[in-house]
Amino acid sequence: MKKLVGVLLAVLVIYVIYFDLTVGTLPSSAVSHAAEDKTMQKPQTDRAYFDSKVEPGQTVISIVEHQLGKSLPVSITDLINDFKALNEGLSPEKIQIGSTYHFPDYSK
């Protein structure tokens, strides 16, 4: 019985390695570029905005505060709603490192 479990476990490990190498579990670079191209379109809104590339460790709040040089002048809910409006409904939690997005500009 132990030999059967060992063989089944070895087959499972080999299959998982094969699947990971052929299909993969991470999105391909083509998908990332398509998402980046999609976010580079001009938003259909009258809100003031700026474009910024997301670096590791940054959040929507930190990017906007860095641009302003001070704390947020609006509520976080307003920031989230404005970000979604500028980026075709994209949730702030789903931003990806290395991609460029439109961020609301509250400096005016």
N, C-alpha and C. Protein backbone atom coordinates (compact mmCIF):
# COMPACT_ATOMS: atom_id res chain seq x y z
N MET A 1 0.82 -1.19 0.00
CA MET A 1 0.00 0.00 0.00
C MET A 1 0.87 1.26 0.00
N LYS A 2 1.97 1.23 0.76
CA LYS A 2 2.86 2.38 0.81
C LYS A 2 3.50 2.65 -0.54
N LYS A 3 3.82 1.57 -1.27
CA LYS A 3 4.43 1.73 -2.58
C LYS A 3 3.45 2.38 -3.55
N LEU A 4 2.18 2.01 -3.47
CA LEU A 4 1.15 2.58 -4.35
C LEU A 4 0.98 4.07 -4.08
N VAL A 5 0.95 4.44 -2.81
CA VAL A 5 0.83 5.86 -2.45
C VAL A 5 2.06 6.62 -2.94
N GLY A 6 3.23 6.03 -2.80
CA GLY A 6 4.46 6.67 -3.27
C GLY A 6 4.46 6.87 -4.77
N VAL A 7 4.03 5.88 -5.51
CA VAL A 7 3.97 5.98 -6.97
C VAL A 7 2.96 7.04 -7.38
N LEU A 8 1.78 7.05 -6.76
CA LEU A 8 0.76 8.07 -7.07
C LEU A 8 1.26 9.47 -6.75
N LEU A 9 1.95 9.61 -5.65
CA LEU A 9 2.50 10.91 -5.28
C LEU A 9 3.56 11.36 -6.29
N ALA A 10 4.41 10.44 -6.73
CA ALA A 10 5.43 10.78 -7.72
C ALA A 10 4.79 11.18 -9.05
N VAL A 11 3.75 10.48 -9.47
CA VAL A 11 3.05 10.83 -10.70
C VAL A 11 2.41 12.21 -10.57
N LEU A 12 1.82 12.50 -9.43
CA LEU A 12 1.22 13.81 -9.20
C LEU A 12 2.27 14.92 -9.28
N VAL A 13 3.41 14.73 -8.66
CA VAL A 13 4.47 15.73 -8.67
C VAL A 13 4.98 15.94 -10.09
N ILE A 14 5.16 14.87 -10.84
CA ILE A 14 5.62 14.99 -12.23
C ILE A 14 4.59 15.74 -13.06
N TYR A 15 3.32 15.44 -12.88
CA TYR A 15 2.27 16.13 -13.63
C TYR A 15 2.24 17.62 -13.29
N VAL A 16 2.36 17.96 -12.02
CA VAL A 16 2.34 19.37 -11.62
C VAL A 16 3.53 20.11 -12.22
N ILE A 17 4.69 19.50 -12.24
CA ILE A 17 5.86 20.13 -12.84
C ILE A 17 5.66 20.30 -14.34
N TYR A 18 5.14 19.27 -15.01
CA TYR A 18 4.87 19.36 -16.45
C TYR A 18 3.86 20.47 -16.75
N PHE A 19 2.79 20.55 -15.98
CA PHE A 19 1.76 21.56 -16.18
C PHE A 19 2.34 22.96 -15.99
N ASP A 20 3.14 23.13 -14.96
CA ASP A 20 3.73 24.44 -14.67
C ASP A 20 4.69 24.88 -15.77
N LEU A 21 5.44 23.96 -16.33
CA LEU A 21 6.41 24.30 -17.37
C LEU A 21 5.75 24.53 -18.73
N THR A 22 4.66 23.83 -19.02
CA THR A 22 4.04 23.98 -20.34
C THR A 22 2.96 25.06 -20.36
N VAL A 23 2.02 24.99 -19.45
CA VAL A 23 0.91 25.95 -19.42
C VAL A 23 1.25 27.12 -18.50
N GLY A 24 1.79 26.82 -17.36
CA GLY A 24 2.15 27.85 -16.40
C GLY A 24 0.98 28.26 -15.54
N THR A 25 1.30 28.89 -14.44
CA THR A 25 0.26 29.36 -13.53
C THR A 25 0.26 30.87 -13.42
N LEU A 26 1.26 31.54 -14.00
CA LEU A 26 1.32 32.99 -13.99
C LEU A 26 0.86 33.52 -15.34
N PRO A 27 0.30 34.73 -15.37
CA PRO A 27 -0.12 35.28 -16.66
C PRO A 27 1.09 35.53 -17.55
N SER A 28 0.90 35.31 -18.84
CA SER A 28 2.00 35.51 -19.77
C SER A 28 2.27 36.99 -19.96
N SER A 29 3.42 37.31 -20.52
CA SER A 29 3.78 38.71 -20.72
C SER A 29 2.84 39.37 -21.72
N ALA A 30 2.27 38.60 -22.65
CA ALA A 30 1.33 39.17 -23.62
C ALA A 30 0.08 39.69 -22.92
N VAL A 31 -0.36 38.98 -21.90
CA VAL A 31 -1.52 39.43 -21.14
C VAL A 31 -1.19 40.71 -20.39
N SER A 32 0.00 40.79 -19.82
CA SER A 32 0.41 41.99 -19.09
C SER A 32 0.48 43.20 -20.02
N HIS A 33 1.03 43.00 -21.23
CA HIS A 33 1.12 44.10 -22.16
C HIS A 33 -0.26 44.53 -22.64
N ALA A 34 -1.16 43.58 -22.81
CA ALA A 34 -2.52 43.93 -23.23
C ALA A 34 -3.22 44.74 -22.15
N ALA A 35 -3.01 44.36 -20.90
CA ALA A 35 -3.61 45.12 -19.80
C ALA A 35 -3.00 46.51 -19.72
N GLU A 36 -1.70 46.62 -19.96
CA GLU A 36 -1.04 47.92 -19.91
C GLU A 36 -1.53 48.81 -21.05
N ASP A 37 -1.68 48.25 -22.24
CA ASP A 37 -2.18 49.02 -23.37
C ASP A 37 -3.60 49.50 -23.11
N LYS A 38 -4.39 48.67 -22.46
CA LYS A 38 -5.77 49.02 -22.16
C LYS A 38 -5.82 50.21 -21.20
N THR A 39 -4.92 50.24 -20.22
CA THR A 39 -4.94 51.32 -19.25
C THR A 39 -4.36 52.61 -19.83
N MET A 40 -3.67 52.54 -20.95
CA MET A 40 -3.07 53.74 -21.53
C MET A 40 -4.06 54.55 -22.36
N GLN A 41 -5.28 54.07 -22.56
CA GLN A 41 -6.27 54.81 -23.31
C GLN A 41 -6.70 56.03 -22.51
N LYS A 42 -7.07 57.10 -23.21
CA LYS A 42 -7.55 58.30 -22.53
C LYS A 42 -8.90 58.02 -21.88
N PRO A 43 -9.06 58.39 -20.62
CA PRO A 43 -10.34 58.16 -19.97
C PRO A 43 -11.41 59.10 -20.50
N GLN A 44 -12.65 58.65 -20.46
CA GLN A 44 -13.78 59.44 -20.93
C GLN A 44 -14.38 60.21 -19.75
N THR A 45 -13.63 61.14 -19.20
CA THR A 45 -14.08 61.89 -18.03
C THR A 45 -13.50 63.29 -18.04
N ASP A 46 -14.12 64.18 -17.26
CA ASP A 46 -13.62 65.55 -17.17
C ASP A 46 -12.75 65.76 -15.94
N ARG A 47 -12.48 64.69 -15.19
CA ARG A 47 -11.64 64.79 -14.01
C ARG A 47 -10.18 65.04 -14.41
N ALA A 48 -9.49 65.82 -13.60
CA ALA A 48 -8.06 66.02 -13.81
C ALA A 48 -7.35 64.75 -13.35
N TYR A 49 -6.35 64.33 -14.12
CA TYR A 49 -5.63 63.12 -13.76
C TYR A 49 -4.18 63.22 -14.21
N PHE A 50 -3.37 62.31 -13.68
CA PHE A 50 -1.99 62.17 -14.11
C PHE A 50 -1.72 60.68 -14.28
N ASP A 51 -0.75 60.35 -15.12
CA ASP A 51 -0.37 58.96 -15.34
C ASP A 51 0.86 58.65 -14.52
N SER A 52 0.89 57.44 -13.98
CA SER A 52 2.04 57.02 -13.20
C SER A 52 2.23 55.52 -13.34
N LYS A 53 3.48 55.11 -13.37
CA LYS A 53 3.83 53.69 -13.42
C LYS A 53 3.94 53.18 -11.99
N VAL A 54 3.34 52.05 -11.71
CA VAL A 54 3.33 51.49 -10.36
C VAL A 54 4.65 50.78 -10.09
N GLU A 55 5.30 51.16 -9.01
CA GLU A 55 6.54 50.55 -8.56
C GLU A 55 6.25 49.61 -7.40
N PRO A 56 7.16 48.68 -7.08
CA PRO A 56 6.92 47.76 -5.96
C PRO A 56 6.67 48.51 -4.65
N GLY A 57 5.66 48.09 -3.92
CA GLY A 57 5.34 48.67 -2.63
C GLY A 57 4.40 49.86 -2.68
N GLN A 58 4.06 50.32 -3.86
CA GLN A 58 3.18 51.48 -3.98
C GLN A 58 1.72 51.06 -4.00
N THR A 59 0.88 51.94 -3.49
CA THR A 59 -0.57 51.77 -3.54
C THR A 59 -1.15 53.01 -4.21
N VAL A 60 -2.42 52.95 -4.51
CA VAL A 60 -3.07 54.11 -5.13
C VAL A 60 -2.95 55.32 -4.20
N ILE A 61 -3.17 55.11 -2.92
CA ILE A 61 -3.09 56.21 -1.95
C ILE A 61 -1.68 56.79 -1.92
N SER A 62 -0.66 55.92 -1.84
CA SER A 62 0.71 56.43 -1.74
C SER A 62 1.13 57.17 -3.01
N ILE A 63 0.68 56.72 -4.17
CA ILE A 63 1.03 57.40 -5.42
C ILE A 63 0.40 58.78 -5.47
N VAL A 64 -0.87 58.89 -5.10
CA VAL A 64 -1.56 60.19 -5.13
C VAL A 64 -0.96 61.13 -4.09
N GLU A 65 -0.69 60.62 -2.89
CA GLU A 65 -0.09 61.47 -1.85
C GLU A 65 1.30 61.93 -2.26
N HIS A 66 2.08 61.07 -2.91
CA HIS A 66 3.41 61.47 -3.37
C HIS A 66 3.31 62.57 -4.43
N GLN A 67 2.35 62.46 -5.32
CA GLN A 67 2.14 63.48 -6.35
C GLN A 67 1.75 64.83 -5.72
N LEU A 68 0.90 64.76 -4.69
CA LEU A 68 0.44 65.99 -4.03
C LEU A 68 1.50 66.58 -3.11
N GLY A 69 2.30 65.72 -2.51
CA GLY A 69 3.28 66.18 -1.53
C GLY A 69 2.67 66.42 -0.17
N LYS A 70 1.46 65.95 0.03
CA LYS A 70 0.77 66.07 1.33
C LYS A 70 -0.25 64.96 1.43
N SER A 71 -0.98 64.94 2.55
CA SER A 71 -1.98 63.88 2.72
C SER A 71 -3.17 64.10 1.80
N LEU A 72 -3.99 63.11 1.70
CA LEU A 72 -5.14 63.10 0.79
C LEU A 72 -6.17 64.15 1.20
N PRO A 73 -6.61 65.03 0.28
CA PRO A 73 -7.60 66.04 0.61
C PRO A 73 -9.05 65.53 0.49
N VAL A 74 -9.23 64.29 0.05
CA VAL A 74 -10.57 63.70 -0.09
C VAL A 74 -10.61 62.39 0.67
N SER A 75 -11.80 61.83 0.80
CA SER A 75 -11.92 60.56 1.50
C SER A 75 -11.38 59.43 0.62
N ILE A 76 -11.05 58.33 1.25
CA ILE A 76 -10.54 57.17 0.52
C ILE A 76 -11.61 56.63 -0.42
N THR A 77 -12.86 56.69 -0.02
CA THR A 77 -13.96 56.23 -0.88
C THR A 77 -14.02 57.06 -2.15
N ASP A 78 -13.86 58.38 -2.03
CA ASP A 78 -13.86 59.24 -3.22
C ASP A 78 -12.67 58.91 -4.12
N LEU A 79 -11.51 58.66 -3.52
CA LEU A 79 -10.33 58.31 -4.29
C LEU A 79 -10.56 57.01 -5.06
N ILE A 80 -11.13 56.02 -4.41
CA ILE A 80 -11.40 54.73 -5.06
C ILE A 80 -12.37 54.91 -6.21
N ASN A 81 -13.43 55.66 -5.98
CA ASN A 81 -14.42 55.88 -7.05
C ASN A 81 -13.83 56.65 -8.23
N ASP A 82 -13.00 57.65 -7.95
CA ASP A 82 -12.36 58.41 -9.02
C ASP A 82 -11.36 57.54 -9.80
N PHE A 83 -10.60 56.71 -9.07
CA PHE A 83 -9.65 55.81 -9.73
C PHE A 83 -10.39 54.83 -10.64
N LYS A 84 -11.49 54.28 -10.16
CA LYS A 84 -12.27 53.35 -10.97
C LYS A 84 -12.83 54.04 -12.21
N ALA A 85 -13.28 55.27 -12.07
CA ALA A 85 -13.83 56.01 -13.21
C ALA A 85 -12.76 56.30 -14.26
N LEU A 86 -11.55 56.55 -13.82
CA LEU A 86 -10.47 56.86 -14.74
C LEU A 86 -9.88 55.62 -15.42
N ASN A 87 -10.08 54.45 -14.83
CA ASN A 87 -9.45 53.23 -15.32
C ASN A 87 -10.46 52.14 -15.67
N GLU A 88 -11.57 52.52 -16.24
CA GLU A 88 -12.59 51.60 -16.74
C GLU A 88 -13.05 50.59 -15.70
N GLY A 89 -13.26 51.04 -14.46
CA GLY A 89 -13.80 50.19 -13.41
C GLY A 89 -12.78 49.30 -12.72
N LEU A 90 -11.50 49.47 -13.02
CA LEU A 90 -10.47 48.65 -12.39
C LEU A 90 -10.39 48.97 -10.90
N SER A 91 -10.42 47.94 -10.08
CA SER A 91 -10.33 48.11 -8.63
C SER A 91 -8.89 48.44 -8.24
N PRO A 92 -8.69 49.35 -7.28
CA PRO A 92 -7.33 49.71 -6.86
C PRO A 92 -6.53 48.52 -6.33
N GLU A 93 -7.21 47.50 -5.83
CA GLU A 93 -6.51 46.32 -5.32
C GLU A 93 -5.90 45.49 -6.43
N LYS A 94 -6.30 45.73 -7.68
CA LYS A 94 -5.85 44.90 -8.79
C LYS A 94 -4.77 45.56 -9.64
N ILE A 95 -4.18 46.67 -9.16
CA ILE A 95 -3.11 47.29 -9.94
C ILE A 95 -1.90 46.36 -9.93
N GLN A 96 -1.12 46.41 -11.03
CA GLN A 96 0.03 45.54 -11.17
C GLN A 96 1.31 46.35 -11.26
N ILE A 97 2.34 45.83 -10.64
CA ILE A 97 3.66 46.48 -10.68
C ILE A 97 4.13 46.57 -12.12
N GLY A 98 4.64 47.72 -12.51
CA GLY A 98 5.16 47.91 -13.85
C GLY A 98 4.14 48.44 -14.85
N SER A 99 2.87 48.45 -14.47
CA SER A 99 1.83 48.96 -15.37
C SER A 99 1.58 50.44 -15.08
N THR A 100 1.10 51.16 -16.08
CA THR A 100 0.80 52.58 -15.95
C THR A 100 -0.69 52.77 -15.88
N TYR A 101 -1.14 53.59 -14.95
CA TYR A 101 -2.57 53.85 -14.75
C TYR A 101 -2.82 55.35 -14.65
N HIS A 102 -4.08 55.74 -14.76
CA HIS A 102 -4.50 57.11 -14.58
C HIS A 102 -4.90 57.28 -13.10
N PHE A 103 -4.38 58.33 -12.47
CA PHE A 103 -4.68 58.61 -11.07
C PHE A 103 -5.33 59.98 -10.97
N PRO A 104 -6.34 60.13 -10.11
CA PRO A 104 -6.97 61.45 -9.98
C PRO A 104 -5.99 62.48 -9.43
N ASP A 105 -6.06 63.69 -9.98
CA ASP A 105 -5.18 64.77 -9.56
C ASP A 105 -5.98 65.76 -8.72
N TYR A 106 -5.70 65.80 -7.43
CA TYR A 106 -6.42 66.66 -6.51
C TYR A 106 -5.65 67.94 -6.20
N SER A 107 -4.63 68.25 -6.97
CA SER A 107 -3.83 69.45 -6.68
C SER A 107 -4.51 70.73 -7.09
N LYS A 108 -5.59 70.65 -7.86
CA LYS A 108 -6.27 71.85 -8.34
C LYS A 108 -7.48 72.17 -7.52
